[in-house]
């Protein structure tokens, strides 16, 4: 379990408290302190997480540091403002332990902390557009960093290709691109979480997230353009 965090102590406390109440306990919880100036690292240590320090700012560097530090065969990923239900880890274990298990799985969710009338439309507008448009760009399902897991062996295979040097990328989308159309990523709609709506509150946040998405897409299309990605995806097996 990897949670990148920076100056997010109150939200992290809620996130870790929810993880402590899981029906299946996570094998390990790693909080990557990405240069926090508040009590983020202290909260993580207090609640039993292993703290990894990544001083270079940016979620791509922080997430990669967490994956590198993880020791399990499957590495789950949350954001510090994610709140999971009591069977979230159990459900990850079931999906990744199945006979036809994918190399990565991602789920859905809903935003909290928004006005009641705005929460559902914001969820559909952001997550719906993210999964639909990114599927077209990737040739397969995207990954959402607030609710996902990846097989450690797959991470080791692609580690050198992820773009950790650019803090203005979506690290989850970048990882999905690098895993490529020949590896299987699934979207499981029963894997649900709650996530703070602060990331979609206001036009500036929407513009920032859309700018990062296009930056991530265009960078990865330089390596493998969309028509080639879809050709690989649609090629008959065997």
Protein backbone atom coordinates (compact mmCIF):
# COMPACT_ATOMS: atom_id res chain seq x y z
CA UNK A 1 0.00 0.00 0.00
CA UNK A 2 1.48 3.32 -1.14
CA UNK A 3 0.16 6.78 -0.27
CA UNK A 4 2.04 9.83 -1.61
CA UNK A 5 1.41 12.85 0.62
CA UNK A 6 2.53 16.42 1.07
CA UNK A 7 1.21 18.78 3.76
CA UNK A 8 -1.93 16.70 4.14
CA UNK A 9 -1.93 15.54 7.77
CA UNK A 10 -5.68 15.85 8.55
CA UNK A 11 -6.81 14.00 5.42
CA UNK A 12 -4.09 11.39 5.86
CA UNK A 13 -5.30 10.64 9.38
CA UNK A 14 -8.77 9.85 8.03
CA UNK A 15 -7.30 7.74 5.21
CA UNK A 16 -5.09 5.68 7.53
CA UNK A 17 -7.86 5.24 10.08
CA UNK A 18 -10.05 3.70 7.37
CA UNK A 19 -7.21 1.37 6.36
CA UNK A 20 -6.83 0.26 9.98
CA UNK A 21 -10.41 -1.03 9.93
CA UNK A 22 -10.08 -3.31 6.91
CA UNK A 23 -11.55 -6.82 6.92
CA UNK A 24 -8.22 -7.92 5.41
CA UNK A 25 -5.31 -5.94 6.80
CA UNK A 26 -2.80 -4.59 4.26
CA UNK A 27 0.59 -6.28 4.47
CA UNK A 28 2.25 -2.87 4.71
CA UNK A 29 1.32 0.79 4.47
CA UNK A 30 3.92 3.17 3.06
CA UNK A 31 3.39 6.92 3.25
CA UNK A 32 5.76 8.85 0.99
CA UNK A 33 6.36 12.22 2.61
CA UNK A 34 7.03 14.52 -0.33
CA UNK A 35 8.72 17.39 1.52
CA UNK A 36 5.90 18.20 3.94
CA UNK A 37 6.17 21.14 6.32
CA UNK A 38 3.24 20.05 8.51
CA UNK A 39 2.69 16.90 10.59
CA UNK A 40 2.16 14.51 7.67
CA UNK A 41 5.10 12.26 8.54
CA UNK A 42 4.25 12.31 12.25
CA UNK A 43 0.65 11.26 11.57
CA UNK A 44 1.84 8.45 9.33
CA UNK A 45 4.25 7.13 11.96
CA UNK A 46 1.69 7.49 14.75
CA UNK A 47 -0.81 5.34 12.85
CA UNK A 48 1.68 2.62 12.03
CA UNK A 49 2.71 3.45 8.47
CA UNK A 50 6.27 3.20 7.22
CA UNK A 51 7.45 6.66 6.18
CA UNK A 52 9.58 7.04 3.06
CA UNK A 53 10.98 10.51 2.39
CA UNK A 54 11.13 11.84 -1.17
CA UNK A 55 12.42 15.43 -1.06
CA UNK A 56 11.97 16.16 -4.78
CA UNK A 57 8.51 17.64 -5.13
CA UNK A 58 5.97 16.03 -7.43
CA UNK A 59 3.59 13.09 -7.27
CA UNK A 60 5.43 11.17 -10.04
CA UNK A 61 8.61 11.07 -7.94
CA UNK A 62 6.72 10.36 -4.72
CA UNK A 63 4.61 7.54 -6.16
CA UNK A 64 7.65 5.90 -7.76
CA UNK A 65 9.55 6.07 -4.48
CA UNK A 66 6.68 4.28 -2.79
CA UNK A 67 6.45 1.54 -5.41
CA UNK A 68 10.21 1.04 -5.21
CA UNK A 69 10.02 0.69 -1.42
CA UNK A 70 7.08 -1.75 -1.44
CA UNK A 71 7.84 -5.40 -0.74
CA UNK A 72 4.58 -7.15 -1.65
CA UNK A 73 3.65 -8.91 -4.89
CA UNK A 74 0.76 -6.44 -5.36
CA UNK A 75 1.14 -2.73 -4.60
CA UNK A 76 -2.08 -0.83 -3.96
CA UNK A 77 -2.19 2.94 -4.27
CA UNK A 78 -4.34 5.62 -2.68
CA UNK A 79 -4.14 9.37 -2.33
CA UNK A 80 -3.99 10.92 1.12
CA UNK A 81 -7.54 12.25 0.76
CA UNK A 82 -9.02 8.86 -0.22
CA UNK A 83 -11.38 7.09 2.19
CA UNK A 84 -11.94 3.39 1.56
CA UNK A 85 -14.68 1.04 2.70
CA UNK A 86 -13.95 -1.84 5.11
CA UNK A 87 -13.51 -4.46 2.37
CA UNK A 88 -11.31 -2.48 -0.02
CA UNK A 89 -8.10 -4.43 0.59
CA UNK A 90 -10.02 -7.72 0.55
CA UNK A 91 -11.51 -6.85 -2.84
CA UNK A 92 -8.06 -5.93 -4.25
CA UNK A 93 -6.73 -9.30 -3.06
CA UNK A 94 -9.60 -11.15 -4.73
CA UNK A 95 -9.15 -9.39 -8.07
CA UNK A 96 -5.38 -9.70 -8.17
CA UNK A 97 -5.45 -13.28 -6.93
CA UNK A 98 -7.91 -14.60 -9.53
CA UNK A 99 -6.83 -17.10 -12.21
CA UNK A 100 -7.27 -14.44 -14.91
CA UNK A 101 -5.77 -11.67 -12.78
CA UNK A 102 -4.67 -8.45 -14.56
CA UNK A 103 -1.36 -6.66 -14.10
CA UNK A 104 -3.28 -3.70 -12.66
CA UNK A 105 -6.75 -2.81 -11.47
CA UNK A 106 -8.48 0.48 -10.86
CA UNK A 107 -11.87 1.43 -9.51
CA UNK A 108 -14.37 4.26 -9.27
CA UNK A 109 -15.53 6.58 -6.55
CA UNK A 110 -17.39 9.69 -5.58
CA UNK A 111 -16.34 13.08 -4.28
CA UNK A 112 -17.00 14.25 -0.75
CA UNK A 113 -16.75 17.77 0.63
CA UNK A 114 -18.74 19.33 -2.21
CA UNK A 115 -22.26 20.74 -2.02
CA UNK A 116 -24.78 17.90 -2.26
CA UNK A 117 -26.15 19.14 -5.58
CA UNK A 118 -22.65 19.29 -7.10
CA UNK A 119 -21.10 16.06 -5.86
CA UNK A 120 -22.72 13.65 -8.30
CA UNK A 121 -22.37 15.86 -11.43
CA UNK A 122 -18.72 16.57 -10.57
CA UNK A 123 -18.03 12.86 -10.15
CA UNK A 124 -19.60 12.02 -13.50
CA UNK A 125 -17.97 14.97 -15.25
CA UNK A 126 -14.47 14.28 -14.00
CA UNK A 127 -14.24 10.51 -13.63
CA UNK A 128 -16.56 9.79 -16.54
CA UNK A 129 -14.55 12.00 -18.89
CA UNK A 130 -11.25 10.72 -17.50
CA UNK A 131 -12.03 7.06 -18.10
CA UNK A 132 -13.75 7.58 -21.46
CA UNK A 133 -11.23 9.93 -23.07
CA UNK A 134 -8.17 8.25 -21.62
CA UNK A 135 -9.40 4.85 -22.80
CA UNK A 136 -9.48 6.27 -26.31
CA UNK A 137 -5.98 7.71 -25.90
CA UNK A 138 -4.51 4.57 -24.36
CA UNK A 139 -6.25 1.78 -26.22
CA UNK A 140 -7.17 0.27 -22.84
CA UNK A 141 -8.34 1.32 -19.37
CA UNK A 142 -6.60 4.14 -17.52
CA UNK A 143 -5.45 3.97 -13.91
CA UNK A 144 -6.77 6.33 -11.24
CA UNK A 145 -4.25 6.95 -8.48
CA UNK A 146 -6.91 7.41 -5.81
CA UNK A 147 -8.02 3.80 -6.20
CA UNK A 148 -5.72 1.30 -7.90
CA UNK A 149 -3.24 -1.55 -7.53
CA UNK A 150 -0.42 -2.83 -9.74
CA UNK A 151 1.55 -6.05 -9.70
CA UNK A 152 5.06 -5.43 -8.39
CA UNK A 153 6.61 -7.51 -11.20
CA UNK A 154 4.93 -5.24 -13.78
CA UNK A 155 6.27 -2.16 -12.01
CA UNK A 156 9.78 -3.59 -12.09
CA UNK A 157 9.46 -4.22 -15.83
CA UNK A 158 8.45 -0.64 -16.68
CA UNK A 159 10.16 1.31 -13.89
CA UNK A 160 12.84 2.79 -16.15
CA UNK A 161 10.26 4.06 -18.63
CA UNK A 162 8.00 6.06 -16.31
CA UNK A 163 8.42 9.83 -16.49
CA UNK A 164 9.26 10.74 -12.90
CA UNK A 165 11.23 13.85 -13.84
CA UNK A 166 8.16 15.94 -14.74
CA UNK A 167 5.98 16.99 -11.76
CA UNK A 168 3.30 18.30 -14.13
CA UNK A 169 2.26 14.84 -15.32
CA UNK A 170 -0.53 12.62 -14.05
CA UNK A 171 1.58 9.77 -12.67
CA UNK A 172 -1.30 7.27 -12.73
CA UNK A 173 -2.09 7.96 -16.38
CA UNK A 174 1.62 7.88 -17.23
CA UNK A 175 1.96 4.45 -15.61
CA UNK A 176 -1.03 3.18 -17.57
CA UNK A 177 0.60 4.37 -20.79
CA UNK A 178 3.93 2.76 -19.95
CA UNK A 179 2.32 -0.56 -19.01
CA UNK A 180 1.11 -0.51 -22.59
CA UNK A 181 -1.72 -2.06 -24.56
CA UNK A 182 -0.25 -5.57 -24.42
CA UNK A 183 -0.70 -5.81 -20.63
CA UNK A 184 -4.16 -6.20 -19.13
CA UNK A 185 -5.56 -3.43 -16.94
CA UNK A 186 -9.11 -3.78 -15.64
CA UNK A 187 -11.66 -1.29 -14.35
CA UNK A 188 -13.69 -2.90 -11.58
CA UNK A 189 -16.74 -0.77 -10.78
CA UNK A 190 -17.32 -2.57 -7.48
CA UNK A 191 -14.02 -1.15 -6.22
CA UNK A 192 -15.28 2.16 -4.89
CA UNK A 193 -13.82 4.87 -2.68
CA UNK A 194 -14.59 8.39 -1.53
CA UNK A 195 -12.18 11.19 -2.49
CA UNK A 196 -12.06 14.84 -1.50
CA UNK A 197 -13.68 17.12 -4.02
CA UNK A 198 -10.99 19.76 -3.57
CA UNK A 199 -9.25 18.53 -6.72
CA UNK A 200 -12.22 19.58 -8.87
CA UNK A 201 -13.29 22.68 -6.94
CA UNK A 202 -12.98 25.78 -9.06
CA UNK A 203 -11.96 26.47 -12.64
CA UNK A 204 -8.26 26.71 -11.84
CA UNK A 205 -8.20 23.13 -10.56
CA UNK A 206 -10.06 21.84 -13.61
CA UNK A 207 -7.69 23.66 -15.96
CA UNK A 208 -4.65 22.35 -14.09
CA UNK A 209 -5.85 18.75 -14.21
CA UNK A 210 -6.79 18.96 -17.90
CA UNK A 211 -3.41 20.54 -18.72
CA UNK A 212 -1.61 17.73 -16.92
CA UNK A 213 -3.70 15.13 -18.73
CA UNK A 214 -2.85 16.48 -22.17
CA UNK A 215 0.81 16.85 -21.22
CA UNK A 216 0.88 13.20 -20.16
CA UNK A 217 -0.93 12.02 -23.28
CA UNK A 218 1.21 13.94 -25.76
CA UNK A 219 4.46 12.87 -24.10
CA UNK A 220 3.53 9.19 -24.27
CA UNK A 221 2.16 9.42 -27.81
CA UNK A 222 5.69 10.33 -28.88
CA UNK A 223 6.72 6.80 -27.91
CA UNK A 224 3.65 4.98 -29.23
CA UNK A 225 0.93 6.91 -31.09
CA UNK A 226 -2.72 6.02 -30.52
CA UNK A 227 -3.27 4.18 -33.81
CA UNK A 228 -0.36 1.87 -33.02
CA UNK A 229 -1.64 1.34 -29.48
CA UNK A 230 -5.06 0.33 -30.79
CA UNK A 231 -3.49 -1.91 -33.44
CA UNK A 232 -1.68 -3.82 -30.69
CA UNK A 233 -4.83 -3.97 -28.59
CA UNK A 234 -7.04 -5.25 -31.40
CA UNK A 235 -4.57 -7.72 -32.84
CA UNK A 236 -5.97 -11.26 -32.60
CA UNK A 237 -4.26 -13.32 -29.90
CA UNK A 238 -2.51 -16.59 -30.71
